[in-house]
N, C-alpha and C. Protein backbone atom coordinates (compact mmCIF):
# COMPACT_ATOMS: atom_id res chain seq x y z
N MET A 1 153.96 107.81 -1.03
CA MET A 1 154.91 108.73 -0.34
C MET A 1 156.24 109.04 -0.14
N GLY A 2 157.14 109.84 0.15
CA GLY A 2 158.36 109.39 0.17
C GLY A 2 158.48 109.66 1.82
N LYS A 3 160.00 109.38 2.08
CA LYS A 3 159.91 109.70 3.44
C LYS A 3 161.22 110.59 3.65
N ALA A 4 161.30 111.38 4.58
CA ALA A 4 161.81 112.26 4.42
C ALA A 4 163.56 111.75 5.30
N GLY A 5 164.13 112.14 5.17
CA GLY A 5 165.60 112.02 5.65
C GLY A 5 166.72 113.20 5.97
N ASN A 6 167.77 113.15 6.79
CA ASN A 6 168.78 113.57 6.73
C ASN A 6 169.99 113.99 6.21
N TRP A 7 170.25 115.32 5.97
CA TRP A 7 170.98 115.90 5.01
C TRP A 7 172.77 115.74 5.10
N LYS A 8 173.63 115.69 4.82
CA LYS A 8 175.30 115.26 5.64
C LYS A 8 176.01 116.93 4.47
N GLU A 9 176.88 117.83 5.62
CA GLU A 9 177.11 118.76 5.20
C GLU A 9 178.42 117.83 4.49
N THR A 10 178.63 118.08 3.10
CA THR A 10 180.06 117.78 2.61
C THR A 10 180.86 119.17 2.61
N ALA A 11 180.69 120.50 2.59
CA ALA A 11 181.33 121.56 2.10
C ALA A 11 180.52 122.60 2.68
N ALA A 12 181.10 123.97 2.85
CA ALA A 12 181.19 124.99 3.53
C ALA A 12 181.97 125.65 3.16
N SER A 13 180.84 127.45 2.71
CA SER A 13 181.90 128.33 2.70
C SER A 13 180.89 129.98 3.15
N ARG A 14 181.79 130.79 4.02
CA ARG A 14 181.00 132.39 4.04
C ARG A 14 181.08 132.63 2.81
N VAL A 15 179.41 133.21 2.65
CA VAL A 15 179.77 134.20 1.56
C VAL A 15 179.58 135.86 1.53
N ALA A 16 179.28 136.01 2.55
CA ALA A 16 178.78 137.55 2.97
C ALA A 16 179.28 137.62 4.59
N ASP A 17 179.50 138.85 5.24
CA ASP A 17 179.27 139.02 6.59
C ASP A 17 178.35 140.78 6.62
N CYS A 18 177.70 140.10 7.54
CA CYS A 18 176.65 141.34 7.58
C CYS A 18 176.40 142.41 8.81
N ARG A 19 177.83 142.13 9.73
CA ARG A 19 177.42 142.71 11.35
C ARG A 19 176.62 142.01 11.66
N ILE A 20 175.62 141.73 11.72
CA ILE A 20 175.04 141.27 12.80
C ILE A 20 174.26 139.74 12.82
N PHE A 21 174.87 139.10 11.45
CA PHE A 21 174.90 138.14 10.61
C PHE A 21 175.57 137.76 9.76
N ASN A 22 175.84 136.26 9.29
CA ASN A 22 176.72 135.94 7.93
C ASN A 22 175.60 135.25 7.20
N VAL A 23 176.02 134.92 5.59
CA VAL A 23 175.43 134.34 5.15
C VAL A 23 176.63 132.88 4.79
N SER A 24 176.20 132.09 4.65
CA SER A 24 177.08 130.59 4.23
C SER A 24 176.54 129.91 3.52
N SER A 25 177.39 128.50 2.72
CA SER A 25 176.61 128.52 1.92
C SER A 25 177.28 127.30 2.32
N SER A 26 175.76 126.13 1.59
CA SER A 26 176.54 124.88 2.48
C SER A 26 176.52 123.56 1.28
N ASP A 27 177.32 122.88 0.86
CA ASP A 27 176.82 121.68 -0.01
C ASP A 27 176.63 120.58 0.52
N ARG A 28 175.30 119.52 0.20
CA ARG A 28 174.63 118.98 1.14
C ARG A 28 174.47 117.85 0.32
N ILE A 29 174.07 116.29 1.15
CA ILE A 29 173.63 115.17 0.00
C ILE A 29 172.91 114.81 1.44
N SER A 30 171.81 113.83 0.49
CA SER A 30 170.86 112.94 1.13
C SER A 30 171.11 112.01 1.42
N GLU A 31 170.67 111.48 2.41
CA GLU A 31 170.20 110.05 2.72
C GLU A 31 169.69 109.01 1.27
N ASP A 32 169.56 109.97 0.41
CA ASP A 32 169.05 109.21 -1.05
C ASP A 32 169.58 109.62 -2.31
N GLY A 33 171.11 110.21 -1.75
CA GLY A 33 172.00 110.47 -3.01
C GLY A 33 171.68 111.99 -3.42
N LYS A 34 170.34 112.79 -2.98
CA LYS A 34 170.08 114.07 -3.88
C LYS A 34 171.26 114.84 -3.34
N SER A 35 172.03 115.61 -4.28
CA SER A 35 173.15 116.54 -3.62
C SER A 35 172.56 117.79 -3.91
N GLY A 36 173.03 119.13 -3.14
CA GLY A 36 172.27 120.64 -3.87
C GLY A 36 173.68 121.69 -3.07
N THR A 37 173.01 122.78 -3.56
CA THR A 37 174.34 124.12 -2.88
C THR A 37 173.02 124.54 -1.87
N PHE A 38 172.59 124.85 -0.56
CA PHE A 38 172.04 126.07 0.08
C PHE A 38 172.66 126.87 1.11
N TYR A 39 171.55 127.76 0.59
CA TYR A 39 172.45 129.07 1.57
C TYR A 39 171.67 129.50 3.20
N LEU A 40 172.78 129.29 3.68
CA LEU A 40 172.13 129.77 5.44
C LEU A 40 172.12 131.17 6.01
N VAL A 41 171.40 131.77 6.46
CA VAL A 41 171.63 132.99 7.12
C VAL A 41 172.23 132.61 8.86
N ASN A 42 173.71 132.66 9.28
CA ASN A 42 173.79 132.68 10.46
C ASN A 42 173.71 133.77 11.43
N SER A 43 172.83 133.43 12.22
CA SER A 43 172.68 134.80 13.64
C SER A 43 172.79 134.83 14.68
N PRO A 44 173.41 135.08 15.86
CA PRO A 44 173.20 135.03 16.52
C PRO A 44 172.00 134.40 17.75
N ASP A 45 171.09 133.99 18.15
CA ASP A 45 170.19 133.64 19.36
C ASP A 45 169.91 134.88 19.51
N TRP A 46 168.17 134.91 19.61
CA TRP A 46 167.90 135.99 20.23
C TRP A 46 166.68 135.86 21.05
N ALA A 47 166.32 136.70 21.87
CA ALA A 47 165.71 136.27 23.39
C ALA A 47 164.34 137.50 23.16
N GLY A 48 163.11 137.23 23.70
CA GLY A 48 162.11 138.26 23.73
C GLY A 48 161.40 137.76 24.74
N VAL A 49 160.60 139.01 25.64
CA VAL A 49 159.81 138.52 26.96
C VAL A 49 158.64 139.60 27.15
N ILE A 50 157.87 138.51 27.36
CA ILE A 50 156.27 139.72 27.36
C ILE A 50 156.83 140.08 29.06
N PRO A 51 156.75 141.36 29.54
CA PRO A 51 156.46 142.17 30.72
C PRO A 51 155.34 141.89 31.57
N VAL A 52 155.33 141.50 32.65
CA VAL A 52 154.37 142.06 33.49
C VAL A 52 154.30 142.35 34.31
N VAL A 53 153.29 143.75 34.45
CA VAL A 53 152.92 144.95 35.41
C VAL A 53 151.99 144.48 36.21
N ASP A 54 151.89 144.21 37.87
CA ASP A 54 150.59 143.89 38.06
C ASP A 54 150.15 145.33 38.58
N THR A 55 148.52 145.64 38.55
CA THR A 55 148.10 146.92 38.65
C THR A 55 146.91 146.83 39.23
N ALA A 56 146.04 147.79 40.12
CA ALA A 56 145.07 147.78 40.41
C ALA A 56 144.22 147.50 39.02
N LEU A 57 144.55 147.85 38.30
CA LEU A 57 143.36 147.68 36.64
C LEU A 57 144.00 146.23 36.27
N GLY A 58 144.64 145.40 36.69
CA GLY A 58 145.01 144.11 36.50
C GLY A 58 146.51 144.15 36.32
N ARG A 59 146.63 142.87 34.94
CA ARG A 59 147.76 142.54 34.63
C ARG A 59 148.35 143.68 33.29
N MET A 60 149.09 144.24 33.20
CA MET A 60 149.98 145.27 32.17
C MET A 60 150.87 144.28 31.48
N ILE A 61 151.05 144.97 30.07
CA ILE A 61 151.94 144.15 29.36
C ILE A 61 152.62 145.36 28.54
N VAL A 62 153.98 145.56 29.80
CA VAL A 62 155.36 145.97 29.03
C VAL A 62 155.56 145.81 27.31
N MET A 63 155.27 146.67 26.26
CA MET A 63 155.49 146.84 24.87
C MET A 63 156.58 147.82 24.72
N ILE A 64 156.95 147.89 23.59
CA ILE A 64 157.61 148.94 23.04
C ILE A 64 157.16 148.76 21.33
N ARG A 65 157.22 150.29 21.08
CA ARG A 65 157.08 150.82 20.03
C ARG A 65 158.43 151.46 19.27
N GLN A 66 158.89 150.74 18.03
CA GLN A 66 160.20 151.16 17.20
C GLN A 66 160.24 151.26 16.36
N TYR A 67 160.61 152.02 15.43
CA TYR A 67 160.78 151.98 13.69
C TYR A 67 161.47 150.91 13.43
N ARG A 68 160.94 149.45 11.94
CA ARG A 68 162.02 148.63 12.02
C ARG A 68 161.99 148.96 10.24
N HIS A 69 163.38 148.97 10.38
CA HIS A 69 164.12 149.14 8.59
C HIS A 69 163.86 148.28 7.80
N GLY A 70 163.58 146.64 8.39
CA GLY A 70 162.36 145.56 7.58
C GLY A 70 161.50 146.00 6.77
N THR A 71 160.49 146.63 7.48
CA THR A 71 159.19 146.97 7.04
C THR A 71 159.11 148.21 6.70
N GLY A 72 159.63 148.91 6.84
CA GLY A 72 159.96 150.45 6.96
C GLY A 72 158.84 151.67 7.77
N ARG A 73 158.59 150.61 8.63
CA ARG A 73 157.20 151.51 9.55
C ARG A 73 157.20 151.15 11.18
N LEU A 74 156.76 151.84 12.27
CA LEU A 74 157.04 151.59 13.39
C LEU A 74 156.07 150.44 14.01
N CYS A 75 156.94 149.36 14.47
CA CYS A 75 155.94 148.12 15.04
C CYS A 75 156.18 148.58 16.80
N LEU A 76 154.82 147.48 17.32
CA LEU A 76 154.80 147.43 18.32
C LEU A 76 154.54 145.96 18.96
N GLU A 77 155.95 145.92 20.04
CA GLU A 77 156.67 144.91 20.09
C GLU A 77 156.78 144.40 21.76
N PHE A 78 157.44 143.28 21.96
CA PHE A 78 158.07 142.91 23.40
C PHE A 78 159.37 142.99 23.32
N PRO A 79 159.74 143.55 24.64
CA PRO A 79 161.36 143.76 24.60
C PRO A 79 162.28 141.90 24.00
N GLY A 80 163.28 142.73 23.67
CA GLY A 80 164.22 141.86 23.39
C GLY A 80 165.29 141.99 22.36
N GLY A 81 166.24 140.90 22.35
CA GLY A 81 167.57 141.12 21.80
C GLY A 81 168.16 140.44 21.74
N ILE A 82 169.74 140.57 20.98
CA ILE A 82 170.76 139.50 20.62
C ILE A 82 171.03 138.78 22.05
N VAL A 83 171.22 137.59 21.82
CA VAL A 83 172.10 136.94 23.19
C VAL A 83 173.47 136.88 22.88
N GLU A 84 174.03 137.34 23.47
CA GLU A 84 175.43 137.47 23.21
C GLU A 84 176.22 136.17 23.41
N LYS A 85 177.32 136.04 22.74
CA LYS A 85 177.84 134.58 22.68
C LYS A 85 178.44 134.01 24.31
N GLY A 86 178.29 132.91 24.52
CA GLY A 86 178.34 132.83 25.89
C GLY A 86 177.00 133.20 27.42
N GLU A 87 176.23 134.07 26.67
CA GLU A 87 175.45 134.28 27.70
C GLU A 87 174.21 134.00 28.01
N ASP A 88 173.83 133.75 28.98
CA ASP A 88 172.48 132.28 29.36
C ASP A 88 171.18 133.88 28.52
N ALA A 89 170.44 132.52 27.93
CA ALA A 89 169.12 134.04 27.22
C ALA A 89 168.10 134.41 28.65
N SER A 90 168.19 133.96 29.27
CA SER A 90 167.19 134.57 30.62
C SER A 90 168.36 135.72 30.96
N ILE A 91 169.13 135.54 30.82
CA ILE A 91 170.13 136.92 31.43
C ILE A 91 170.23 138.21 30.30
N ALA A 92 170.18 137.35 28.81
CA ALA A 92 170.05 138.28 27.90
C ALA A 92 168.47 138.68 27.94
N VAL A 93 167.88 138.22 28.27
CA VAL A 93 166.68 138.96 27.95
C VAL A 93 165.66 140.25 29.30
N GLY A 94 166.67 139.02 30.26
CA GLY A 94 167.08 140.41 31.72
C GLY A 94 166.80 141.71 31.02
N ARG A 95 168.70 141.80 30.64
CA ARG A 95 169.71 142.92 30.47
C ARG A 95 168.52 143.57 29.16
N GLU A 96 168.19 142.73 28.09
CA GLU A 96 167.13 143.62 27.66
C GLU A 96 166.74 144.54 27.82
N LEU A 97 165.68 143.86 28.36
CA LEU A 97 164.60 144.89 29.36
C LEU A 97 164.46 145.53 30.16
N THR A 98 165.85 145.51 30.78
CA THR A 98 166.29 146.31 31.81
C THR A 98 166.45 147.99 30.57
N GLU A 99 167.34 147.75 29.69
CA GLU A 99 167.78 148.45 28.94
C GLU A 99 167.12 149.31 28.04
N GLU A 100 165.74 148.93 27.53
CA GLU A 100 165.12 148.82 26.21
C GLU A 100 163.64 149.61 27.06
N THR A 101 163.31 149.07 28.65
CA THR A 101 161.94 149.78 28.73
C THR A 101 162.15 150.56 30.25
N GLY A 102 163.46 150.40 30.73
CA GLY A 102 163.73 150.80 32.19
C GLY A 102 163.14 150.15 33.44
N TYR A 103 162.38 148.45 33.07
CA TYR A 103 161.75 147.64 34.05
C TYR A 103 162.42 146.40 34.33
N ARG A 104 162.44 146.28 35.46
CA ARG A 104 163.09 144.79 35.98
C ARG A 104 162.15 144.22 36.61
N ALA A 105 162.65 142.36 36.04
CA ALA A 105 161.71 141.67 36.41
C ALA A 105 161.90 141.04 37.80
N GLU A 106 160.93 140.56 38.77
CA GLU A 106 161.43 139.49 40.00
C GLU A 106 161.73 138.69 39.42
N MET A 107 160.92 137.98 38.35
CA MET A 107 161.28 136.48 38.08
C MET A 107 161.07 136.09 36.40
N ILE A 108 161.60 135.59 35.79
CA ILE A 108 162.04 135.43 34.63
C ILE A 108 162.11 134.16 34.04
N VAL A 109 160.64 133.36 33.63
CA VAL A 109 160.16 132.20 33.15
C VAL A 109 160.46 131.82 31.38
N PRO A 110 160.82 130.98 31.55
CA PRO A 110 160.86 130.28 29.83
C PRO A 110 160.08 129.74 29.20
N LEU A 111 159.50 130.10 28.53
CA LEU A 111 158.36 129.91 27.85
C LEU A 111 158.48 128.60 26.91
N GLY A 112 159.54 129.17 25.85
CA GLY A 112 159.63 128.02 24.64
C GLY A 112 161.00 128.49 23.70
N LEU A 113 161.26 127.87 23.12
CA LEU A 113 161.71 128.07 21.86
C LEU A 113 161.52 128.20 20.27
N LEU A 114 162.28 128.44 19.76
CA LEU A 114 161.45 128.66 17.98
C LEU A 114 162.50 129.00 17.39
N SER A 115 161.99 128.63 16.37
CA SER A 115 163.35 128.74 14.65
C SER A 115 162.78 130.00 14.33
N PRO A 116 163.01 130.71 14.32
CA PRO A 116 163.14 132.16 13.34
C PRO A 116 162.09 131.64 11.77
N ASN A 117 163.28 130.87 10.95
CA ASN A 117 162.60 130.56 9.85
C ASN A 117 163.44 129.36 9.22
N PRO A 118 163.37 127.75 10.06
CA PRO A 118 164.05 126.59 9.92
C PRO A 118 164.36 126.55 8.39
N ALA A 119 163.91 126.90 7.21
CA ALA A 119 164.28 126.80 6.05
C ALA A 119 165.57 126.95 5.86
N PHE A 120 166.11 127.83 6.20
CA PHE A 120 167.63 128.79 5.68
C PHE A 120 167.89 129.85 7.05
N MET A 121 167.56 129.44 8.52
CA MET A 121 167.97 130.30 9.28
C MET A 121 168.33 129.33 10.05
N THR A 122 169.79 129.90 10.75
CA THR A 122 170.60 128.51 11.41
C THR A 122 170.26 128.91 13.45
N ASN A 123 169.51 130.54 13.90
CA ASN A 123 169.45 130.38 15.17
C ASN A 123 168.36 129.84 15.87
N THR A 124 167.98 130.74 16.84
CA THR A 124 167.10 130.14 18.03
C THR A 124 166.54 131.89 18.83
N PHE A 125 165.06 131.25 18.65
CA PHE A 125 164.61 132.41 19.32
C PHE A 125 164.42 132.07 20.58
N HIS A 126 164.54 132.57 21.75
CA HIS A 126 164.26 131.93 23.12
C HIS A 126 163.25 133.08 23.81
N ALA A 127 161.54 132.36 24.16
CA ALA A 127 160.75 133.13 24.55
C ALA A 127 160.38 133.29 25.85
N PHE A 128 160.08 134.64 26.50
CA PHE A 128 160.06 134.40 28.40
C PHE A 128 158.85 135.06 28.72
N VAL A 129 158.39 135.34 30.29
CA VAL A 129 157.71 135.80 30.57
C VAL A 129 158.37 136.57 31.77
N ALA A 130 157.96 137.89 31.83
CA ALA A 130 158.49 138.33 33.41
C ALA A 130 157.98 138.89 34.14
N GLU A 131 157.45 138.55 35.29
CA GLU A 131 156.88 138.33 36.40
C GLU A 131 157.29 139.44 37.37
N GLY A 132 156.26 139.99 37.53
CA GLY A 132 156.98 140.97 38.94
C GLY A 132 157.36 142.21 38.61
N CYS A 133 157.24 142.54 36.96
CA CYS A 133 158.26 144.40 37.01
C CYS A 133 157.81 144.93 37.50
N VAL A 134 158.85 145.99 37.85
CA VAL A 134 158.56 147.32 38.40
C VAL A 134 159.63 148.03 37.51
N LEU A 135 159.48 149.54 37.33
CA LEU A 135 160.18 150.55 36.85
C LEU A 135 161.02 150.65 37.96
N ASP A 136 162.45 150.86 37.20
CA ASP A 136 163.72 150.70 38.37
C ASP A 136 164.73 151.26 37.82
N ARG A 137 164.49 152.27 36.60
CA ARG A 137 165.40 153.28 36.14
C ARG A 137 165.16 153.67 34.40
N VAL A 138 166.16 154.88 34.34
CA VAL A 138 165.80 154.85 32.62
C VAL A 138 166.36 154.39 31.60
N GLN A 139 165.83 154.71 30.39
CA GLN A 139 166.10 153.62 29.67
C GLN A 139 167.87 153.65 29.37
N ALA A 140 168.45 152.60 29.48
CA ALA A 140 169.96 152.80 28.38
C ALA A 140 170.07 152.52 26.90
N LEU A 141 169.37 152.50 25.97
CA LEU A 141 169.40 152.69 24.36
C LEU A 141 170.32 152.54 23.83
N ASP A 142 170.76 151.69 22.92
CA ASP A 142 171.80 151.60 21.85
C ASP A 142 171.93 153.15 21.21
N GLU A 143 173.27 153.13 20.34
CA GLU A 143 173.22 154.33 19.36
C GLU A 143 172.18 154.39 18.57
N HIS A 144 171.17 153.50 18.15
CA HIS A 144 170.55 153.61 16.82
C HIS A 144 168.92 153.03 17.27
N GLU A 145 168.58 152.83 18.42
CA GLU A 145 167.53 152.75 19.15
C GLU A 145 166.59 154.09 19.60
N GLU A 146 165.29 153.78 19.08
CA GLU A 146 164.73 155.19 19.66
C GLU A 146 163.33 154.36 20.01
N ILE A 147 162.98 154.42 21.55
CA ILE A 147 161.79 153.03 21.97
C ILE A 147 161.31 153.89 22.74
N GLU A 148 159.85 154.02 22.19
CA GLU A 148 158.79 154.25 23.19
C GLU A 148 158.14 153.06 24.30
N VAL A 149 158.05 153.61 25.60
CA VAL A 149 157.97 152.11 26.25
C VAL A 149 155.92 152.85 26.49
N LEU A 150 154.95 151.47 26.18
CA LEU A 150 153.29 151.42 27.15
C LEU A 150 153.43 150.53 27.52
N LEU A 151 152.61 150.57 28.72
CA LEU A 151 151.59 149.62 29.47
C LEU A 151 150.13 149.42 28.60
N VAL A 152 150.51 147.89 28.42
CA VAL A 152 148.80 147.77 27.83
C VAL A 152 148.19 146.45 28.40
N PRO A 153 147.06 146.57 28.45
CA PRO A 153 146.26 145.77 29.14
C PRO A 153 146.45 144.42 28.79
N GLU A 154 146.63 143.12 29.55
CA GLU A 154 146.63 142.05 28.70
C GLU A 154 145.69 141.71 27.98
N ASN A 155 144.67 142.33 27.82
CA ASN A 155 143.84 141.45 26.63
C ASN A 155 143.72 142.41 25.51
N GLU A 156 143.88 143.68 25.51
CA GLU A 156 145.02 144.47 24.88
C GLU A 156 145.47 143.93 24.01
N ALA A 157 146.30 143.51 24.37
CA ALA A 157 147.67 143.34 23.81
C ALA A 157 147.23 141.75 23.22
N ILE A 158 146.46 140.96 23.35
CA ILE A 158 145.99 139.40 22.81
C ILE A 158 145.43 140.15 21.27
N ASP A 159 144.39 141.11 21.88
CA ASP A 159 143.99 141.56 20.62
C ASP A 159 144.19 142.20 19.66
N LEU A 160 145.84 142.94 19.79
CA LEU A 160 146.22 143.87 18.80
C LEU A 160 146.33 142.83 18.03
N VAL A 161 147.33 141.34 17.81
CA VAL A 161 147.13 140.31 16.92
C VAL A 161 147.20 140.39 15.47
N GLY A 162 147.53 140.48 14.76
CA GLY A 162 147.90 141.02 13.36
C GLY A 162 146.91 142.33 13.11
N ALA A 163 147.26 143.48 13.91
CA ALA A 163 147.14 144.78 13.24
C ALA A 163 148.32 145.35 12.47
N GLU A 164 148.06 146.03 11.95
CA GLU A 164 149.20 146.64 10.92
C GLU A 164 150.51 147.02 12.16
N ASP A 165 150.45 147.57 12.65
CA ASP A 165 151.94 147.69 13.53
C ASP A 165 152.21 146.90 14.45
N TYR A 166 151.37 145.48 14.13
CA TYR A 166 151.13 144.26 15.57
C TYR A 166 151.52 142.75 14.78
N GLY A 167 152.51 142.75 13.51
CA GLY A 167 152.74 141.17 12.84
C GLY A 167 153.70 140.81 12.69
N HIS A 168 154.73 141.37 14.23
CA HIS A 168 155.95 140.48 14.10
C HIS A 168 155.51 139.10 14.42
N ALA A 169 156.04 138.37 13.51
CA ALA A 169 155.80 136.87 14.04
C ALA A 169 156.52 136.31 15.18
N LEU A 170 157.67 136.58 15.61
CA LEU A 170 158.18 136.09 16.79
C LEU A 170 156.93 136.66 18.24
N MET A 171 156.89 138.05 17.56
CA MET A 171 155.76 138.49 18.67
C MET A 171 154.56 137.63 18.73
N THR A 172 153.84 137.29 18.02
CA THR A 172 152.77 136.64 18.15
C THR A 172 153.22 135.00 18.35
N ALA A 173 154.19 134.64 18.02
CA ALA A 173 154.22 133.36 18.51
C ALA A 173 154.31 133.09 20.25
N THR A 174 155.85 134.61 20.32
CA THR A 174 155.66 134.76 22.06
C THR A 174 154.55 134.82 22.84
N LEU A 175 153.53 135.63 21.91
CA LEU A 175 151.92 135.53 22.61
C LEU A 175 151.29 134.21 23.02
N PHE A 176 151.53 133.72 21.76
CA PHE A 176 150.57 132.47 21.85
C PHE A 176 150.92 131.43 23.39
N LEU A 177 152.53 131.07 23.03
CA LEU A 177 153.18 130.68 24.46
C LEU A 177 152.76 131.49 25.46
N TYR A 178 152.76 132.60 25.74
CA TYR A 178 152.35 133.26 27.23
C TYR A 178 150.95 132.98 27.31
N MET A 179 150.10 132.95 26.12
CA MET A 179 148.64 132.81 26.54
C MET A 179 148.33 131.06 27.29
N ARG A 180 149.18 130.36 26.73
CA ARG A 180 149.36 128.99 27.34
C ARG A 180 149.66 128.98 28.01
N TYR A 181 150.73 129.58 28.76
CA TYR A 181 151.05 129.60 30.07
C TYR A 181 150.38 130.37 31.21
N ARG A 182 149.43 131.13 30.95
CA ARG A 182 148.41 131.60 31.44
C ARG A 182 146.98 130.64 31.51
N GLY A 183 147.08 129.47 30.84
CA GLY A 183 146.15 129.15 30.50
C GLY A 183 144.74 129.65 29.30
N LEU A 184 144.88 130.43 28.88
CA LEU A 184 143.96 131.00 27.75
C LEU A 184 143.57 130.26 26.61
N CYS A 185 144.54 129.51 26.19
CA CYS A 185 144.29 128.79 25.17
C CYS A 185 143.34 127.94 25.10
N LEU A 186 142.04 127.86 24.25
CA LEU A 186 141.09 126.41 24.68
C LEU A 186 141.54 124.95 24.28
């Protein structure tokens, strides 16, 4: 069996600018002398949050339904968005939570860091849980956002994984981290 090693970048150039990300080429050489050109998607970091509302019926998760252009359909997700340059990810996710849903969190707890696709993407996804959420104001959506807010019982949110409109891989990974946080993993 071979041994994995690091690759050193010898040259890089920007190939395309696409508003929310850019594409670059990277010439690299391995420790064993293999070389190649690789294409990378450079995007700001993203953050997502599982917002929890404690009710008389138990823990409810604030979820959002919105149209996703990549899949061409409505998706059921947790709130989140881009971490602005120089912004702390916990601040970004609190801002996105309030803008997209109108809910404010009493406490935001980090769950973990994920690489959306380490084969060609350079950014990090920051996963959080927001405890003690309360409805604080009306939504403040961006120009192209149309978001429906839903309160979903915790067990139903877990059971939805893999459904047609609930297949977002980062949401599923965040839910796994949440389940570990709650002690629900076997």
